Every structure is written in C-alpha cells, then in structure tokens.
C-alpha cells in the first residue's frame, strides 16, 4: 500500500476541480492546470468539491509505484493554483547584480558580458535587492526548472562561496592552500 497515495487531497474554497474524460482540470486564483490521469488503472473520486481521492483498481507493483506519484502531482497542482510556489535566490560575489528589463532578467555575474535570461510564461520574477531574486509561479516543476537554470549560470565556487545559491542553502567550503 502507498502511504502517500492513501491520503485524501483537500480542495480549498477558491479552487474548482473538474474531471473531463481522462483529463483533470484544476482552476484557481493563480492559474489553471490540466493533468492526464489513467482511468483504466486508477479510480478518481471528487467528493462534494471538498476532497479528491485516488485509488488503484487492482494493486500490483506498477500501480503501487504510480499511485503516490499521481496523488502528489494532483496535490501540487491544487496547491499551485491556490497558493503558488516560490523560491528565493541570492547572488553572492563582488559586483554580482540582477535587474529586470521587460520580459528579461539581466544578470551581471562577473563575466565580461551581461547575461539576459528570458522569463518563461507563467513565472514571475521580482528583484527585491540587487542581489536577491524571488521566483514564483503556479507550477512547482516550472519554478524549480527556472531556478535550476539560473543557478547554472554561475555555479557556487567552493573556496570563497561565490555564485548563485538558494536562500538557506549550505555550502561546504574547502580549505585553501597552506604554506
């Protein structure tokens, strides 16, 4: 039995959930999300617009694996459409700065040139200070993907700790050369 799959998903008041064929439509104040659910394998119940439960029709190794994953995907879509997801990035280094120019994020990361990062649809980036970025959106996967792409523009250097990091991320610093 799946520990995560057994837990019912509660639906907030602002969110509307509808099942049309194999597609589960979730609509909330922050956005819409459509999920493709395999109804041959799983039985999906929406109880009075308050709870969603998902159960496999027959339990075997494959359905056990997919049960918890499908429940988590539905839960992430419900949370994303009602509250949204956000991550905070910090730029650490001398002269490292960020600014918004229309639909692009302009980053100065110690290279000889500026880096212009195109902001994808459904993602909102705020530059709080010049060294702090707040990335938010309704899709958990898309927010994590954008954060990952921005972090790869300047990886964290292990001796001084310079680079782009998430807020609260611990960096294991190496010891320098000794005489």
C-alpha atoms as a PDB file:
ATOM      1  CA  UNK A   1       0.000   0.000   0.000  1.00  0.00           C
ATOM      2  CA  UNK A   2       1.153   3.520  -0.780  1.00  0.00           C
ATOM      3  CA  UNK A   3       1.477   5.722   2.312  1.00  0.00           C
ATOM      4  CA  UNK A   4       1.158   8.938   0.311  1.00  0.00           C
ATOM      5  CA  UNK A   5      -1.485   7.625  -2.102  1.00  0.00           C
ATOM      6  CA  UNK A   6      -3.940   6.794   0.694  1.00  0.00           C
ATOM      7  CA  UNK A   7      -4.126  10.404   1.938  1.00  0.00           C
ATOM      8  CA  UNK A   8      -7.067  12.384   0.529  1.00  0.00           C
ATOM      9  CA  UNK A   9      -6.400  15.779  -1.053  1.00  0.00           C
ATOM     10  CA  UNK A  10      -8.445  18.616   0.427  1.00  0.00           C
ATOM     11  CA  UNK A  11      -9.591  21.276  -2.039  1.00  0.00           C
ATOM     12  CA  UNK A  12      -9.518  24.945  -0.895  1.00  0.00           C
ATOM     13  CA  UNK A  13     -12.675  27.031  -1.394  1.00  0.00           C
ATOM     14  CA  UNK A  14     -11.247  29.126  -4.247  1.00  0.00           C
ATOM     15  CA  UNK A  15     -10.208  26.105  -6.345  1.00  0.00           C
ATOM     16  CA  UNK A  16     -12.510  24.326  -8.820  1.00  0.00           C
ATOM     17  CA  UNK A  17     -11.769  20.736  -9.853  1.00  0.00           C
ATOM     18  CA  UNK A  18     -13.496  19.011 -12.772  1.00  0.00           C
ATOM     19  CA  UNK A  19     -12.910  15.663 -14.469  1.00  0.00           C
ATOM     20  CA  UNK A  20     -13.493  15.610 -18.255  1.00  0.00           C
ATOM     21  CA  UNK A  21     -12.729  12.170 -19.657  1.00  0.00           C
ATOM     22  CA  UNK A  22      -9.129  11.333 -18.700  1.00  0.00           C
ATOM     23  CA  UNK A  23      -8.195  14.964 -18.036  1.00  0.00           C
ATOM     24  CA  UNK A  24      -8.428  16.513 -14.568  1.00  0.00           C
ATOM     25  CA  UNK A  25      -8.837  20.314 -14.802  1.00  0.00           C
ATOM     26  CA  UNK A  26      -7.819  22.337 -11.752  1.00  0.00           C
ATOM     27  CA  UNK A  27      -8.579  26.061 -11.767  1.00  0.00           C
ATOM     28  CA  UNK A  28      -7.762  28.560  -9.041  1.00  0.00           C
ATOM     29  CA  UNK A  29      -6.973  32.237  -8.494  1.00  0.00           C
ATOM     30  CA  UNK A  30      -3.328  31.832  -9.559  1.00  0.00           C
ATOM     31  CA  UNK A  31      -3.818  29.719 -12.682  1.00  0.00           C
ATOM     32  CA  UNK A  32      -5.089  26.612 -14.417  1.00  0.00           C
ATOM     33  CA  UNK A  33      -3.520  23.171 -14.660  1.00  0.00           C
ATOM     34  CA  UNK A  34      -4.624  20.106 -16.623  1.00  0.00           C
ATOM     35  CA  UNK A  35      -3.422  16.633 -15.658  1.00  0.00           C
ATOM     36  CA  UNK A  36      -3.813  13.459 -17.704  1.00  0.00           C
ATOM     37  CA  UNK A  37      -4.897  10.612 -15.387  1.00  0.00           C
ATOM     38  CA  UNK A  38      -5.001   6.968 -16.489  1.00  0.00           C
ATOM     39  CA  UNK A  39      -8.573   5.989 -15.531  1.00  0.00           C
ATOM     40  CA  UNK A  40      -8.000   2.387 -16.686  1.00  0.00           C
ATOM     41  CA  UNK A  41      -5.564   1.941 -13.796  1.00  0.00           C
ATOM     42  CA  UNK A  42      -6.906   4.380 -11.180  1.00  0.00           C
ATOM     43  CA  UNK A  43     -10.305   5.307  -9.770  1.00  0.00           C
ATOM     44  CA  UNK A  44     -10.593   9.045  -9.083  1.00  0.00           C
ATOM     45  CA  UNK A  45     -13.338  10.419  -6.826  1.00  0.00           C
ATOM     46  CA  UNK A  46     -14.206  14.079  -6.229  1.00  0.00           C
ATOM     47  CA  UNK A  47     -16.280  14.193  -3.026  1.00  0.00           C
ATOM     48  CA  UNK A  48     -18.669  17.209  -2.957  1.00  0.00           C
ATOM     49  CA  UNK A  49     -15.953  19.526  -4.316  1.00  0.00           C
ATOM     50  CA  UNK A  50     -14.117  19.274  -0.976  1.00  0.00           C
ATOM     51  CA  UNK A  51     -11.806  16.254  -1.368  1.00  0.00           C
ATOM     52  CA  UNK A  52     -10.136  14.186  -4.067  1.00  0.00           C
ATOM     53  CA  UNK A  53      -9.206  10.559  -3.540  1.00  0.00           C
ATOM     54  CA  UNK A  54      -7.291   8.317  -5.910  1.00  0.00           C
ATOM     55  CA  UNK A  55      -7.163   4.516  -5.650  1.00  0.00           C
ATOM     56  CA  UNK A  56      -5.836   1.820  -7.966  1.00  0.00           C
ATOM     57  CA  UNK A  57      -8.371  -0.594  -9.456  1.00  0.00           C
ATOM     58  CA  UNK A  58      -6.022  -3.553  -8.817  1.00  0.00           C
ATOM     59  CA  UNK A  59      -2.884  -3.468  -6.726  1.00  0.00           C
ATOM     60  CA  UNK A  60       0.368  -4.732  -8.253  1.00  0.00           C
ATOM     61  CA  UNK A  61       3.975  -3.489  -8.381  1.00  0.00           C
ATOM     62  CA  UNK A  62       3.421  -0.925 -11.168  1.00  0.00           C
ATOM     63  CA  UNK A  63       0.261   0.608  -9.721  1.00  0.00           C
ATOM     64  CA  UNK A  64       1.876   0.877  -6.268  1.00  0.00           C
ATOM     65  CA  UNK A  65       4.672   2.965  -7.802  1.00  0.00           C
ATOM     66  CA  UNK A  66       2.348   5.233  -9.763  1.00  0.00           C
ATOM     67  CA  UNK A  67      -0.268   5.691  -7.022  1.00  0.00           C
ATOM     68  CA  UNK A  68       1.719   8.021  -4.767  1.00  0.00           C
ATOM     69  CA  UNK A  69       3.207   9.898  -7.721  1.00  0.00           C
ATOM     70  CA  UNK A  70      -0.191  10.653  -9.268  1.00  0.00           C
ATOM     71  CA  UNK A  71      -1.553  11.768  -5.889  1.00  0.00           C
ATOM     72  CA  UNK A  72       1.452  14.097  -5.426  1.00  0.00           C
ATOM     73  CA  UNK A  73       1.024  15.583  -8.917  1.00  0.00           C
ATOM     74  CA  UNK A  74      -2.651  16.339  -8.218  1.00  0.00           C
ATOM     75  CA  UNK A  75      -1.804  17.806  -4.793  1.00  0.00           C
ATOM     76  CA  UNK A  76       0.953  20.008  -6.264  1.00  0.00           C
ATOM     77  CA  UNK A  77      -1.458  21.309  -8.916  1.00  0.00           C
ATOM     78  CA  UNK A  78      -4.109  22.131  -6.263  1.00  0.00           C
ATOM     79  CA  UNK A  79      -1.592  23.938  -4.031  1.00  0.00           C
ATOM     80  CA  UNK A  80      -0.062  25.748  -7.035  1.00  0.00           C
ATOM     81  CA  UNK A  81      -3.394  27.061  -8.281  1.00  0.00           C
ATOM     82  CA  UNK A  82      -4.434  28.303  -4.826  1.00  0.00           C
ATOM     83  CA  UNK A  83      -1.220  29.467  -3.080  1.00  0.00           C
ATOM     84  CA  UNK A  84       1.548  29.141  -5.667  1.00  0.00           C
ATOM     85  CA  UNK A  85       5.191  28.234  -5.193  1.00  0.00           C
ATOM     86  CA  UNK A  86       8.172  30.486  -4.650  1.00  0.00           C
ATOM     87  CA  UNK A  87      11.916  30.205  -4.258  1.00  0.00           C
ATOM     88  CA  UNK A  88      14.433  32.869  -3.289  1.00  0.00           C
ATOM     89  CA  UNK A  89      17.881  33.081  -4.886  1.00  0.00           C
ATOM     90  CA  UNK A  90      20.859  35.037  -3.572  1.00  0.00           C
ATOM     91  CA  UNK A  91      23.730  36.360  -5.683  1.00  0.00           C
ATOM     92  CA  UNK A  92      26.939  36.200  -3.638  1.00  0.00           C
ATOM     93  CA  UNK A  93      30.040  37.915  -5.029  1.00  0.00           C
ATOM     94  CA  UNK A  94      31.581  41.322  -5.645  1.00  0.00           C
ATOM     95  CA  UNK A  95      29.707  43.139  -8.410  1.00  0.00           C
ATOM     96  CA  UNK A  96      27.041  40.427  -8.839  1.00  0.00           C
ATOM     97  CA  UNK A  97      23.757  42.169  -9.641  1.00  0.00           C
ATOM     98  CA  UNK A  98      20.346  41.453 -11.130  1.00  0.00           C
ATOM     99  CA  UNK A  99      17.764  43.724 -12.754  1.00  0.00           C
ATOM    100  CA  UNK A 100      14.576  43.326 -14.758  1.00  0.00           C
ATOM    101  CA  UNK A 101      14.341  44.670 -18.315  1.00  0.00           C
ATOM    102  CA  UNK A 102      10.858  43.961 -19.617  1.00  0.00           C
ATOM    103  CA  UNK A 103      10.457  40.194 -20.144  1.00  0.00           C
ATOM    104  CA  UNK A 104      14.172  39.547 -19.476  1.00  0.00           C
ATOM    105  CA  UNK A 105      16.241  39.168 -16.348  1.00  0.00           C
ATOM    106  CA  UNK A 106      19.591  40.952 -16.728  1.00  0.00           C
ATOM    107  CA  UNK A 107      22.366  39.363 -14.646  1.00  0.00           C
ATOM    108  CA  UNK A 108      25.882  40.669 -14.041  1.00  0.00           C
ATOM    109  CA  UNK A 109      27.823  37.706 -12.703  1.00  0.00           C
ATOM    110  CA  UNK A 110      31.486  38.681 -13.006  1.00  0.00           C
ATOM    111  CA  UNK A 111      31.812  37.723 -16.670  1.00  0.00           C
ATOM    112  CA  UNK A 112      32.948  40.212 -19.330  1.00  0.00           C
ATOM    113  CA  UNK A 113      29.347  40.411 -20.568  1.00  0.00           C
ATOM    114  CA  UNK A 114      25.843  40.644 -19.095  1.00  0.00           C
ATOM    115  CA  UNK A 115      23.572  37.608 -19.244  1.00  0.00           C
ATOM    116  CA  UNK A 116      19.970  38.120 -20.378  1.00  0.00           C
ATOM    117  CA  UNK A 117      17.668  35.348 -19.168  1.00  0.00           C
ATOM    118  CA  UNK A 118      14.254  35.096 -20.879  1.00  0.00           C
ATOM    119  CA  UNK A 119      11.466  34.710 -18.316  1.00  0.00           C
ATOM    120  CA  UNK A 120       9.096  31.871 -19.350  1.00  0.00           C
ATOM    121  CA  UNK A 121       5.303  32.234 -19.418  1.00  0.00           C
ATOM    122  CA  UNK A 122       3.697  31.579 -16.018  1.00  0.00           C
ATOM    123  CA  UNK A 123       6.757  32.644 -13.987  1.00  0.00           C
ATOM    124  CA  UNK A 124       7.040  35.914 -12.078  1.00  0.00           C
ATOM    125  CA  UNK A 125      10.477  37.164 -11.033  1.00  0.00           C
ATOM    126  CA  UNK A 126      10.942  40.020  -8.579  1.00  0.00           C
ATOM    127  CA  UNK A 127      14.289  41.662  -7.825  1.00  0.00           C
ATOM    128  CA  UNK A 128      13.984  42.626  -4.151  1.00  0.00           C
ATOM    129  CA  UNK A 129      17.506  43.929  -3.711  1.00  0.00           C
ATOM    130  CA  UNK A 130      20.136  43.830  -6.442  1.00  0.00           C
ATOM    131  CA  UNK A 131      21.370  40.547  -5.012  1.00  0.00           C
ATOM    132  CA  UNK A 132      18.076  38.834  -4.121  1.00  0.00           C
ATOM    133  CA  UNK A 133      15.629  37.277  -6.596  1.00  0.00           C
ATOM    134  CA  UNK A 134      12.152  35.974  -5.762  1.00  0.00           C
ATOM    135  CA  UNK A 135      10.863  33.466  -8.340  1.00  0.00           C
ATOM    136  CA  UNK A 136       7.198  32.495  -8.071  1.00  0.00           C
ATOM    137  CA  UNK A 137       4.595  30.672 -10.118  1.00  0.00           C
ATOM    138  CA  UNK A 138       1.694  28.227 -10.038  1.00  0.00           C
ATOM    139  CA  UNK A 139       3.585  25.222 -11.469  1.00  0.00           C
ATOM    140  CA  UNK A 140       6.028  23.640  -8.995  1.00  0.00           C
ATOM    141  CA  UNK A 141       8.035  21.908 -11.716  1.00  0.00           C
ATOM    142  CA  UNK A 142       8.399  25.076 -13.807  1.00  0.00           C
ATOM    143  CA  UNK A 143       9.518  27.163 -10.796  1.00  0.00           C
ATOM    144  CA  UNK A 144      12.162  24.554  -9.898  1.00  0.00           C
ATOM    145  CA  UNK A 145      13.297  24.332 -13.528  1.00  0.00           C
ATOM    146  CA  UNK A 146      13.775  28.122 -13.829  1.00  0.00           C
ATOM    147  CA  UNK A 147      15.657  28.245 -10.502  1.00  0.00           C
ATOM    148  CA  UNK A 148      17.891  25.410 -11.679  1.00  0.00           C
ATOM    149  CA  UNK A 149      18.669  27.156 -14.992  1.00  0.00           C
ATOM    150  CA  UNK A 150      19.506  30.441 -13.251  1.00  0.00           C
ATOM    151  CA  UNK A 151      21.759  28.640 -10.725  1.00  0.00           C
ATOM    152  CA  UNK A 152      23.755  27.009 -13.546  1.00  0.00           C
ATOM    153  CA  UNK A 153      24.689  30.445 -14.957  1.00  0.00           C
ATOM    154  CA  UNK A 154      27.189  30.865 -12.093  1.00  0.00           C
ATOM    155  CA  UNK A 155      27.810  27.746 -10.015  1.00  0.00           C
ATOM    156  CA  UNK A 156      28.958  28.112  -6.428  1.00  0.00           C
ATOM    157  CA  UNK A 157      32.709  28.271  -6.087  1.00  0.00           C
ATOM    158  CA  UNK A 158      33.896  26.004  -3.209  1.00  0.00           C
ATOM    159  CA  UNK A 159      36.694  28.205  -1.790  1.00  0.00           C
ATOM    160  CA  UNK A 160      35.003  31.585  -1.262  1.00  0.00           C
ATOM    161  CA  UNK A 161      31.361  30.571  -1.746  1.00  0.00           C
ATOM    162  CA  UNK A 162      30.729  32.997  -4.613  1.00  0.00           C
ATOM    163  CA  UNK A 163      27.910  32.246  -7.064  1.00  0.00           C
ATOM    164  CA  UNK A 164      24.130  31.876  -7.183  1.00  0.00           C
ATOM    165  CA  UNK A 165      22.526  29.962  -4.316  1.00  0.00           C
ATOM    166  CA  UNK A 166      19.082  29.355  -2.869  1.00  0.00           C
ATOM    167  CA  UNK A 167      18.259  31.095   0.379  1.00  0.00           C
ATOM    168  CA  UNK A 168      19.353  28.925   3.279  1.00  0.00           C
ATOM    169  CA  UNK A 169      21.453  26.584   1.117  1.00  0.00           C
ATOM    170  CA  UNK A 170      24.530  25.329   2.981  1.00  0.00           C
ATOM    171  CA  UNK A 171      27.822  25.441   1.095  1.00  0.00           C
ATOM    172  CA  UNK A 172      30.637  23.148   2.166  1.00  0.00           C
ATOM    173  CA  UNK A 173      33.717  25.327   1.767  1.00  0.00           C
ATOM    174  CA  UNK A 174      37.102  23.824   1.011  1.00  0.00           C
ATOM    175  CA  UNK A 175      40.243  24.824   2.836  1.00  0.00           C
ATOM    176  CA  UNK A 176      42.767  26.824   0.819  1.00  0.00           C
ATOM    177  CA  UNK A 177      46.423  26.034   0.198  1.00  0.00           C
ATOM    178  CA  UNK A 178      48.702  26.175   3.242  1.00  0.00           C
ATOM    179  CA  UNK A 179      52.321  27.318   3.293  1.00  0.00           C
END
